[in-house]
Amino acid sequence: MLLPLQVGLLYDITDDWQLSLFLPSASLLVAGAAVYISQSEHDAVDFDALDNSPFPPELWLQQRKAAVEGWFKQLVRNPLELLRQKEEEKGK
């Protein structure tokens, strides 16, 4: 949001489009690198030592997957049996 204002202000000051476009983007890159360096962790992570249990969203998806697979298998594998069951119910 402020980047166009910065570019316009720098263009007014310098009368150079290349410099007015480069300086704001370079300042954002330097600020991003500074935040990354200051906030990142440089410790090695041993993924084999960690508990490999699924995250809560994965558990939710696994439960939904099992429910959908069961329903889909009934629908696809046994269409003739379902039709026969319906015909038998109608005949009773």
Protein backbone atom coordinates (compact mmCIF):
# COMPACT_ATOMS: atom_id res chain seq x y z
CA MET A 1 0.00 0.00 0.00
CA LEU A 2 2.81 2.39 0.84
CA LEU A 3 5.08 1.17 -1.95
CA PRO A 4 3.41 3.28 -4.70
CA LEU A 5 3.66 6.34 -2.45
CA GLN A 6 7.34 5.64 -1.83
CA VAL A 7 8.00 5.19 -5.55
CA GLY A 8 6.20 8.41 -6.37
CA LEU A 9 8.03 10.33 -3.67
CA LEU A 10 11.41 8.97 -4.76
CA TYR A 11 10.62 9.75 -8.38
CA ASP A 12 9.79 13.33 -7.43
CA ILE A 13 13.06 13.62 -5.53
CA THR A 14 15.40 11.83 -7.95
CA ASP A 15 13.69 12.11 -11.38
CA ASP A 16 14.92 8.55 -12.04
CA TRP A 17 12.39 5.74 -12.52
CA GLN A 18 14.96 2.97 -12.12
CA LEU A 19 16.20 4.23 -8.77
CA SER A 20 12.69 5.02 -7.49
CA LEU A 21 11.55 1.46 -8.31
CA PHE A 22 14.69 -0.28 -7.05
CA LEU A 23 15.14 1.38 -3.64
CA PRO A 24 11.75 0.40 -2.10
CA SER A 25 12.04 -3.21 -3.29
CA ALA A 26 15.64 -3.44 -2.08
CA SER A 27 14.64 -2.04 1.32
CA LEU A 28 11.88 -4.65 1.62
CA LEU A 29 14.33 -7.42 0.73
CA VAL A 30 16.83 -6.21 3.33
CA ALA A 31 14.09 -5.92 5.97
CA GLY A 32 12.87 -9.45 5.16
CA ALA A 33 16.40 -10.84 5.42
CA ALA A 34 16.89 -9.09 8.78
CA VAL A 35 13.66 -10.55 10.18
CA TYR A 36 14.54 -14.01 8.86
CA ILE A 37 18.00 -13.92 10.41
CA SER A 38 16.75 -12.61 13.74
CA GLN A 39 13.76 -14.97 14.07
CA SER A 40 14.97 -18.21 12.51
CA GLU A 41 16.29 -21.16 14.46
CA HIS A 42 19.53 -22.72 13.35
CA ASP A 43 19.30 -25.91 15.40
CA ALA A 44 19.22 -29.22 13.60
CA VAL A 45 15.94 -31.11 13.91
CA ASP A 46 16.00 -34.87 14.25
CA PHE A 47 12.73 -35.88 12.63
CA ASP A 48 13.25 -39.54 13.48
CA ALA A 49 13.29 -38.78 17.21
CA LEU A 50 10.00 -36.88 17.16
CA ASP A 51 6.62 -38.50 17.68
CA ASN A 52 5.25 -39.16 14.22
CA SER A 53 1.59 -39.03 15.20
CA PRO A 54 -0.75 -37.14 12.89
CA PHE A 55 -1.70 -33.54 13.54
CA PRO A 56 -5.33 -32.82 14.58
CA PRO A 57 -6.36 -31.74 11.06
CA GLU A 58 -4.88 -34.97 9.70
CA LEU A 59 -6.88 -37.02 12.21
CA TRP A 60 -10.06 -35.23 11.15
CA LEU A 61 -9.30 -35.90 7.47
CA GLN A 62 -8.51 -39.55 8.13
CA GLN A 63 -11.85 -40.02 9.88
CA ARG A 64 -13.73 -38.35 7.02
CA LYS A 65 -11.79 -40.40 4.48
CA ALA A 66 -12.77 -43.66 6.19
CA ALA A 67 -16.43 -42.65 6.28
CA VAL A 68 -16.49 -41.61 2.62
CA GLU A 69 -14.61 -44.71 1.49
CA GLY A 70 -17.10 -46.97 3.28
CA TRP A 71 -20.05 -45.19 1.71
CA PHE A 72 -18.45 -45.14 -1.72
CA LYS A 73 -17.58 -48.85 -1.59
CA GLN A 74 -21.19 -49.66 -0.78
CA LEU A 75 -22.39 -47.49 -3.62
CA VAL A 76 -19.97 -48.76 -6.27
CA ARG A 77 -19.39 -52.41 -5.40
CA ASN A 78 -22.91 -53.49 -4.63
CA PRO A 79 -25.31 -51.66 -6.93
CA LEU A 80 -26.97 -54.90 -8.01
CA GLU A 81 -27.31 -56.12 -4.45
CA LEU A 82 -28.86 -52.82 -3.42
CA LEU A 83 -31.33 -53.06 -6.30
CA ARG A 84 -32.21 -56.63 -5.32
CA GLN A 85 -32.72 -55.57 -1.71
CA LYS A 86 -35.04 -52.78 -2.81
CA GLU A 87 -37.01 -55.17 -5.04
CA GLU A 88 -37.32 -57.65 -2.19
CA GLU A 89 -38.56 -54.92 0.14
CA LYS A 90 -41.15 -53.86 -2.43
CA GLY A 91 -42.28 -57.47 -2.87
CA LYS A 92 -42.85 -57.96 0.86
